[in-house]
């Protein structure tokens, strides 16, 4: 979980519509600002893309789940492995082991610290 003040002056709940270039959004303009996930129960949830990042030579994506109003009030972040299909569409997969999740989580926390430091400058 992240707290709501993670990115200094901006709120994580604003990521989907943010244009502050604080580093909390995916820098590749070809990627959409949000992605829809289908959960195990076939329900869908819209998520803002926070960033795609590397750890241990693998790609991961950090997503901020949004409510029906496009907000995230609890600061929860989802982490998945990330890749691109030949047609450019994103491929997400669950992180299977606790060890790999810890590695990805640490890399995301480092990203968040850098983003916070940039906001303070």
N, C-alpha and C. Protein backbone atom coordinates (compact mmCIF):
# COMPACT_ATOMS: atom_id res chain seq x y z
N UNK A 1 0.83 -1.19 0.00
CA UNK A 1 0.00 0.00 0.00
C UNK A 1 0.87 1.25 0.00
N UNK A 2 0.38 2.28 -0.65
CA UNK A 2 1.04 3.58 -0.64
C UNK A 2 0.15 4.53 0.14
N UNK A 3 0.76 5.59 0.65
CA UNK A 3 -0.10 6.59 1.25
C UNK A 3 -0.48 7.62 0.21
N UNK A 4 -1.49 8.42 0.49
CA UNK A 4 -2.01 9.39 -0.47
C UNK A 4 -1.02 10.49 -0.81
N UNK A 5 -0.02 10.74 0.01
CA UNK A 5 0.92 11.81 -0.23
C UNK A 5 2.18 11.33 -0.93
N UNK A 6 2.11 10.21 -1.57
CA UNK A 6 3.28 9.58 -2.15
C UNK A 6 4.05 10.48 -3.11
N UNK A 7 3.36 11.25 -3.94
CA UNK A 7 4.02 12.03 -4.96
C UNK A 7 4.07 13.50 -4.60
N UNK A 8 4.34 13.80 -3.34
CA UNK A 8 4.51 15.19 -2.94
C UNK A 8 3.21 15.95 -3.09
N UNK A 9 3.19 16.95 -3.97
CA UNK A 9 2.04 17.83 -4.11
C UNK A 9 0.86 17.22 -4.85
N UNK A 10 1.07 16.21 -5.65
CA UNK A 10 -0.07 15.63 -6.36
C UNK A 10 -0.53 14.37 -5.66
N UNK A 11 -1.77 14.06 -5.86
CA UNK A 11 -2.36 12.89 -5.24
C UNK A 11 -2.33 11.72 -6.21
N UNK A 12 -2.02 10.51 -5.76
CA UNK A 12 -2.05 9.35 -6.64
C UNK A 12 -3.40 9.18 -7.32
N UNK A 13 -4.46 9.64 -6.68
CA UNK A 13 -5.79 9.50 -7.27
C UNK A 13 -5.96 10.37 -8.50
N UNK A 14 -5.04 11.32 -8.73
CA UNK A 14 -5.11 12.20 -9.89
C UNK A 14 -4.29 11.69 -11.07
N UNK A 15 -3.62 10.54 -10.94
CA UNK A 15 -2.68 10.08 -11.96
C UNK A 15 -3.30 9.95 -13.35
N UNK A 16 -4.54 9.53 -13.43
CA UNK A 16 -5.14 9.29 -14.74
C UNK A 16 -5.29 10.58 -15.54
N UNK A 17 -5.46 11.71 -14.86
CA UNK A 17 -5.65 12.97 -15.57
C UNK A 17 -4.51 13.95 -15.36
N UNK A 18 -3.46 13.52 -14.70
CA UNK A 18 -2.35 14.40 -14.34
C UNK A 18 -1.51 14.77 -15.55
N UNK A 19 -1.07 16.02 -15.61
CA UNK A 19 -0.15 16.45 -16.66
C UNK A 19 1.06 17.15 -16.06
N UNK A 20 1.38 16.87 -14.81
CA UNK A 20 2.46 17.58 -14.13
C UNK A 20 3.84 17.06 -14.48
N UNK A 21 3.95 15.96 -15.21
CA UNK A 21 5.23 15.38 -15.60
C UNK A 21 6.11 15.10 -14.39
N UNK A 22 5.49 14.60 -13.30
CA UNK A 22 6.23 14.35 -12.07
C UNK A 22 6.94 13.00 -12.09
N UNK A 23 6.76 12.24 -13.14
CA UNK A 23 7.38 10.94 -13.19
C UNK A 23 6.48 9.85 -12.68
N UNK A 24 5.28 10.19 -12.21
CA UNK A 24 4.39 9.18 -11.68
C UNK A 24 3.50 8.58 -12.76
N UNK A 25 3.66 9.01 -14.00
CA UNK A 25 2.91 8.42 -15.09
C UNK A 25 3.88 7.81 -16.08
N UNK A 26 3.40 6.89 -16.88
CA UNK A 26 4.23 6.23 -17.88
C UNK A 26 4.72 7.26 -18.88
N UNK A 27 6.02 7.27 -19.16
CA UNK A 27 6.62 8.26 -20.04
C UNK A 27 6.38 7.95 -21.51
N UNK A 28 6.10 6.73 -21.87
CA UNK A 28 5.90 6.36 -23.26
C UNK A 28 4.52 6.82 -23.69
N UNK A 29 4.45 7.84 -24.54
CA UNK A 29 3.17 8.42 -24.94
C UNK A 29 2.30 7.47 -25.75
N UNK A 30 2.86 6.35 -26.19
CA UNK A 30 2.06 5.40 -26.94
C UNK A 30 1.20 4.55 -26.02
N UNK A 31 1.53 4.52 -24.73
CA UNK A 31 0.75 3.75 -23.77
C UNK A 31 -0.44 4.59 -23.32
N UNK A 32 -1.58 3.96 -23.10
CA UNK A 32 -2.73 4.71 -22.60
C UNK A 32 -2.49 5.13 -21.15
N UNK A 33 -3.28 6.11 -20.67
CA UNK A 33 -3.17 6.55 -19.29
C UNK A 33 -3.83 5.60 -18.32
N UNK A 34 -4.75 4.79 -18.84
CA UNK A 34 -5.43 3.81 -18.00
C UNK A 34 -5.48 2.47 -18.73
N UNK A 35 -5.75 1.44 -17.94
CA UNK A 35 -5.89 0.09 -18.48
C UNK A 35 -7.01 -0.58 -17.70
N UNK A 36 -7.79 -1.41 -18.37
CA UNK A 36 -8.88 -2.13 -17.72
C UNK A 36 -8.43 -3.56 -17.44
N UNK A 37 -8.51 -3.96 -16.17
CA UNK A 37 -8.17 -5.32 -15.77
C UNK A 37 -9.44 -6.12 -15.58
N UNK A 38 -9.43 -7.37 -16.02
CA UNK A 38 -10.51 -8.30 -15.74
C UNK A 38 -10.06 -9.19 -14.60
N UNK A 39 -10.80 -9.16 -13.51
CA UNK A 39 -10.44 -9.93 -12.31
C UNK A 39 -10.91 -11.37 -12.43
N UNK A 40 -10.49 -12.20 -11.48
CA UNK A 40 -10.84 -13.62 -11.50
C UNK A 40 -12.35 -13.87 -11.53
N UNK A 41 -13.13 -12.96 -10.93
CA UNK A 41 -14.58 -13.13 -10.91
C UNK A 41 -15.25 -12.49 -12.13
N UNK A 42 -14.45 -12.14 -13.15
CA UNK A 42 -14.89 -11.51 -14.39
C UNK A 42 -15.38 -10.08 -14.23
N UNK A 43 -15.23 -9.49 -13.04
CA UNK A 43 -15.51 -8.07 -12.90
C UNK A 43 -14.32 -7.30 -13.48
N UNK A 44 -14.55 -6.05 -13.83
CA UNK A 44 -13.50 -5.23 -14.42
C UNK A 44 -13.20 -4.06 -13.52
N UNK A 45 -11.95 -3.63 -13.55
CA UNK A 45 -11.52 -2.46 -12.78
C UNK A 45 -10.59 -1.63 -13.64
N UNK A 46 -10.87 -0.34 -13.68
CA UNK A 46 -10.03 0.60 -14.43
C UNK A 46 -8.88 1.02 -13.52
N UNK A 47 -7.66 1.04 -14.09
CA UNK A 47 -6.47 1.41 -13.32
C UNK A 47 -5.67 2.46 -14.08
N UNK A 48 -5.18 3.44 -13.35
CA UNK A 48 -4.24 4.40 -13.92
C UNK A 48 -2.87 3.74 -13.98
N UNK A 49 -2.16 3.95 -15.07
CA UNK A 49 -0.80 3.43 -15.20
C UNK A 49 0.13 4.43 -14.51
N UNK A 50 0.80 3.97 -13.45
CA UNK A 50 1.74 4.83 -12.75
C UNK A 50 3.07 4.83 -13.49
N UNK A 51 3.61 3.64 -13.74
CA UNK A 51 4.88 3.54 -14.45
C UNK A 51 5.14 2.10 -14.86
N UNK A 52 6.01 1.94 -15.82
CA UNK A 52 6.61 0.65 -16.16
C UNK A 52 8.07 0.76 -15.75
N UNK A 53 8.58 -0.25 -15.04
CA UNK A 53 9.93 -0.17 -14.51
C UNK A 53 10.61 -1.53 -14.60
N UNK A 54 11.93 -1.51 -14.46
CA UNK A 54 12.73 -2.74 -14.54
C UNK A 54 13.26 -3.11 -13.17
N UNK A 55 13.38 -4.42 -12.96
CA UNK A 55 14.03 -4.96 -11.76
C UNK A 55 14.52 -6.36 -12.12
N UNK A 56 15.78 -6.65 -11.81
CA UNK A 56 16.35 -7.97 -12.12
C UNK A 56 16.11 -8.39 -13.57
N UNK A 57 16.32 -7.46 -14.48
CA UNK A 57 16.21 -7.73 -15.92
C UNK A 57 14.81 -8.12 -16.37
N UNK A 58 13.78 -7.80 -15.58
CA UNK A 58 12.39 -8.03 -15.97
C UNK A 58 11.65 -6.70 -15.93
N UNK A 59 10.58 -6.61 -16.70
CA UNK A 59 9.74 -5.42 -16.72
C UNK A 59 8.52 -5.63 -15.83
N UNK A 60 8.14 -4.59 -15.12
CA UNK A 60 6.96 -4.60 -14.25
C UNK A 60 6.14 -3.35 -14.52
N UNK A 61 4.88 -3.40 -14.14
CA UNK A 61 4.01 -2.25 -14.26
C UNK A 61 3.33 -2.02 -12.92
N UNK A 62 3.20 -0.74 -12.56
CA UNK A 62 2.51 -0.34 -11.33
C UNK A 62 1.20 0.33 -11.74
N UNK A 63 0.11 -0.17 -11.22
CA UNK A 63 -1.22 0.33 -11.55
C UNK A 63 -1.93 0.83 -10.31
N UNK A 64 -2.68 1.91 -10.47
CA UNK A 64 -3.46 2.49 -9.39
C UNK A 64 -4.93 2.23 -9.68
N UNK A 65 -5.59 1.33 -8.93
CA UNK A 65 -7.00 1.04 -9.20
C UNK A 65 -7.87 2.27 -8.93
N UNK A 66 -8.80 2.52 -9.83
CA UNK A 66 -9.67 3.70 -9.74
C UNK A 66 -11.11 3.27 -9.49
N UNK A 67 -11.83 4.09 -8.72
CA UNK A 67 -13.25 3.81 -8.50
C UNK A 67 -14.07 4.35 -9.67
N UNK A 68 -15.38 4.29 -9.56
CA UNK A 68 -16.26 4.71 -10.65
C UNK A 68 -16.14 6.21 -10.95
N UNK A 69 -15.56 6.98 -10.03
CA UNK A 69 -15.34 8.41 -10.24
C UNK A 69 -13.93 8.73 -10.71
N UNK A 70 -13.14 7.70 -11.02
CA UNK A 70 -11.77 7.89 -11.48
C UNK A 70 -10.81 8.27 -10.36
N UNK A 71 -11.15 7.93 -9.14
CA UNK A 71 -10.33 8.27 -7.97
C UNK A 71 -9.81 7.01 -7.29
N UNK A 72 -8.72 7.16 -6.54
CA UNK A 72 -8.21 6.09 -5.69
C UNK A 72 -8.07 6.68 -4.31
N UNK A 73 -8.90 6.23 -3.40
CA UNK A 73 -8.93 6.82 -2.07
C UNK A 73 -8.08 6.08 -1.05
N UNK A 74 -7.69 4.84 -1.34
CA UNK A 74 -6.94 4.08 -0.34
C UNK A 74 -5.45 3.96 -0.64
N UNK A 75 -5.00 4.43 -1.80
CA UNK A 75 -3.58 4.40 -2.13
C UNK A 75 -3.03 3.04 -2.52
N UNK A 76 -3.90 2.04 -2.66
CA UNK A 76 -3.45 0.70 -3.04
C UNK A 76 -2.88 0.73 -4.45
N UNK A 77 -1.78 -0.01 -4.66
CA UNK A 77 -1.13 -0.11 -5.96
C UNK A 77 -1.00 -1.58 -6.31
N UNK A 78 -1.27 -1.92 -7.58
CA UNK A 78 -1.10 -3.28 -8.08
C UNK A 78 0.21 -3.36 -8.84
N UNK A 79 0.99 -4.42 -8.63
CA UNK A 79 2.21 -4.66 -9.39
C UNK A 79 2.05 -5.95 -10.18
N UNK A 80 2.44 -5.91 -11.46
CA UNK A 80 2.37 -7.07 -12.35
C UNK A 80 3.66 -7.12 -13.17
N UNK A 81 3.97 -8.30 -13.70
CA UNK A 81 5.01 -8.35 -14.73
C UNK A 81 4.40 -7.72 -15.97
N UNK A 82 5.27 -7.22 -16.85
CA UNK A 82 4.79 -6.47 -18.00
C UNK A 82 5.57 -6.83 -19.25
N UNK A 83 4.87 -6.88 -20.36
CA UNK A 83 5.48 -7.08 -21.66
C UNK A 83 4.56 -6.53 -22.73
N UNK A 84 5.03 -6.54 -23.96
CA UNK A 84 4.21 -6.09 -25.08
C UNK A 84 4.06 -7.22 -26.09
N UNK A 85 2.85 -7.40 -26.56
CA UNK A 85 2.57 -8.36 -27.62
C UNK A 85 3.09 -7.79 -28.94
N UNK A 86 3.24 -8.62 -29.96
CA UNK A 86 3.72 -8.13 -31.26
C UNK A 86 2.89 -6.96 -31.81
N UNK A 87 1.59 -6.92 -31.47
CA UNK A 87 0.75 -5.82 -31.96
C UNK A 87 0.85 -4.58 -31.07
N UNK A 88 1.69 -4.62 -30.03
CA UNK A 88 1.88 -3.47 -29.16
C UNK A 88 0.97 -3.43 -27.95
N UNK A 89 0.04 -4.36 -27.85
CA UNK A 89 -0.85 -4.36 -26.69
C UNK A 89 -0.11 -4.90 -25.47
N UNK A 90 -0.47 -4.37 -24.29
CA UNK A 90 0.24 -4.80 -23.08
C UNK A 90 -0.13 -6.22 -22.67
N UNK A 91 0.86 -6.92 -22.10
CA UNK A 91 0.65 -8.25 -21.53
C UNK A 91 1.04 -8.15 -20.06
N UNK A 92 0.08 -8.40 -19.19
CA UNK A 92 0.32 -8.38 -17.76
C UNK A 92 0.16 -9.78 -17.21
N UNK A 93 0.97 -10.11 -16.21
CA UNK A 93 0.86 -11.40 -15.55
C UNK A 93 1.12 -11.20 -14.06
N UNK A 94 0.51 -12.05 -13.26
CA UNK A 94 0.74 -12.00 -11.82
C UNK A 94 2.19 -12.31 -11.51
N UNK A 95 2.69 -11.69 -10.46
CA UNK A 95 4.02 -12.01 -9.94
C UNK A 95 3.83 -13.24 -9.07
N UNK A 96 4.51 -14.33 -9.42
CA UNK A 96 4.22 -15.63 -8.83
C UNK A 96 4.85 -15.90 -7.46
N UNK A 97 6.02 -15.35 -7.19
CA UNK A 97 6.68 -15.70 -5.93
C UNK A 97 6.79 -14.48 -5.01
N UNK A 98 6.84 -14.75 -3.72
CA UNK A 98 7.02 -13.68 -2.73
C UNK A 98 8.37 -12.99 -2.94
N UNK A 99 9.38 -13.78 -3.29
CA UNK A 99 10.71 -13.21 -3.51
C UNK A 99 10.70 -12.23 -4.68
N UNK A 100 10.09 -12.62 -5.79
CA UNK A 100 10.01 -11.73 -6.94
C UNK A 100 9.18 -10.50 -6.62
N UNK A 101 8.08 -10.68 -5.87
CA UNK A 101 7.25 -9.54 -5.50
C UNK A 101 8.02 -8.56 -4.63
N UNK A 102 8.85 -9.07 -3.72
CA UNK A 102 9.67 -8.20 -2.87
C UNK A 102 10.65 -7.40 -3.72
N UNK A 103 11.23 -8.02 -4.72
CA UNK A 103 12.18 -7.34 -5.61
C UNK A 103 11.45 -6.24 -6.39
N UNK A 104 10.30 -6.57 -6.96
CA UNK A 104 9.53 -5.59 -7.72
C UNK A 104 9.04 -4.47 -6.80
N UNK A 105 8.59 -4.82 -5.61
CA UNK A 105 8.12 -3.82 -4.66
C UNK A 105 9.22 -2.85 -4.26
N UNK A 106 10.41 -3.36 -4.03
CA UNK A 106 11.54 -2.51 -3.68
C UNK A 106 11.88 -1.57 -4.83
N UNK A 107 11.88 -2.08 -6.05
CA UNK A 107 12.18 -1.24 -7.22
C UNK A 107 11.12 -0.16 -7.37
N UNK A 108 9.85 -0.50 -7.15
CA UNK A 108 8.79 0.51 -7.23
C UNK A 108 8.95 1.54 -6.13
N UNK A 109 9.29 1.12 -4.92
CA UNK A 109 9.49 2.07 -3.82
C UNK A 109 10.62 3.05 -4.15
N UNK A 110 11.68 2.55 -4.79
CA UNK A 110 12.78 3.42 -5.20
C UNK A 110 12.30 4.43 -6.24
N UNK A 111 11.49 3.98 -7.19
CA UNK A 111 10.89 4.89 -8.18
C UNK A 111 10.08 5.97 -7.47
N UNK A 112 9.25 5.56 -6.50
CA UNK A 112 8.40 6.49 -5.78
C UNK A 112 9.22 7.53 -5.01
N UNK A 113 10.31 7.08 -4.41
CA UNK A 113 11.19 8.01 -3.68
C UNK A 113 11.79 9.04 -4.64
N UNK A 114 12.23 8.59 -5.83
CA UNK A 114 12.78 9.53 -6.83
C UNK A 114 11.71 10.52 -7.27
N UNK A 115 10.49 10.05 -7.49
CA UNK A 115 9.40 10.93 -7.90
C UNK A 115 9.10 11.96 -6.80
N UNK A 116 9.10 11.51 -5.56
CA UNK A 116 8.86 12.42 -4.44
C UNK A 116 9.97 13.47 -4.36
N UNK A 117 11.22 13.05 -4.54
CA UNK A 117 12.34 13.97 -4.50
C UNK A 117 12.24 15.02 -5.63
N UNK A 118 11.81 14.59 -6.82
CA UNK A 118 11.64 15.52 -7.93
C UNK A 118 10.56 16.54 -7.61
N UNK A 119 9.51 16.12 -6.93
CA UNK A 119 8.44 17.05 -6.56
C UNK A 119 8.92 18.08 -5.55
N UNK A 120 9.86 17.71 -4.71
CA UNK A 120 10.37 18.62 -3.69
C UNK A 120 11.35 19.62 -4.25
N UNK A 121 11.95 19.32 -5.42
CA UNK A 121 12.94 20.23 -6.04
C UNK A 121 12.27 21.43 -6.67
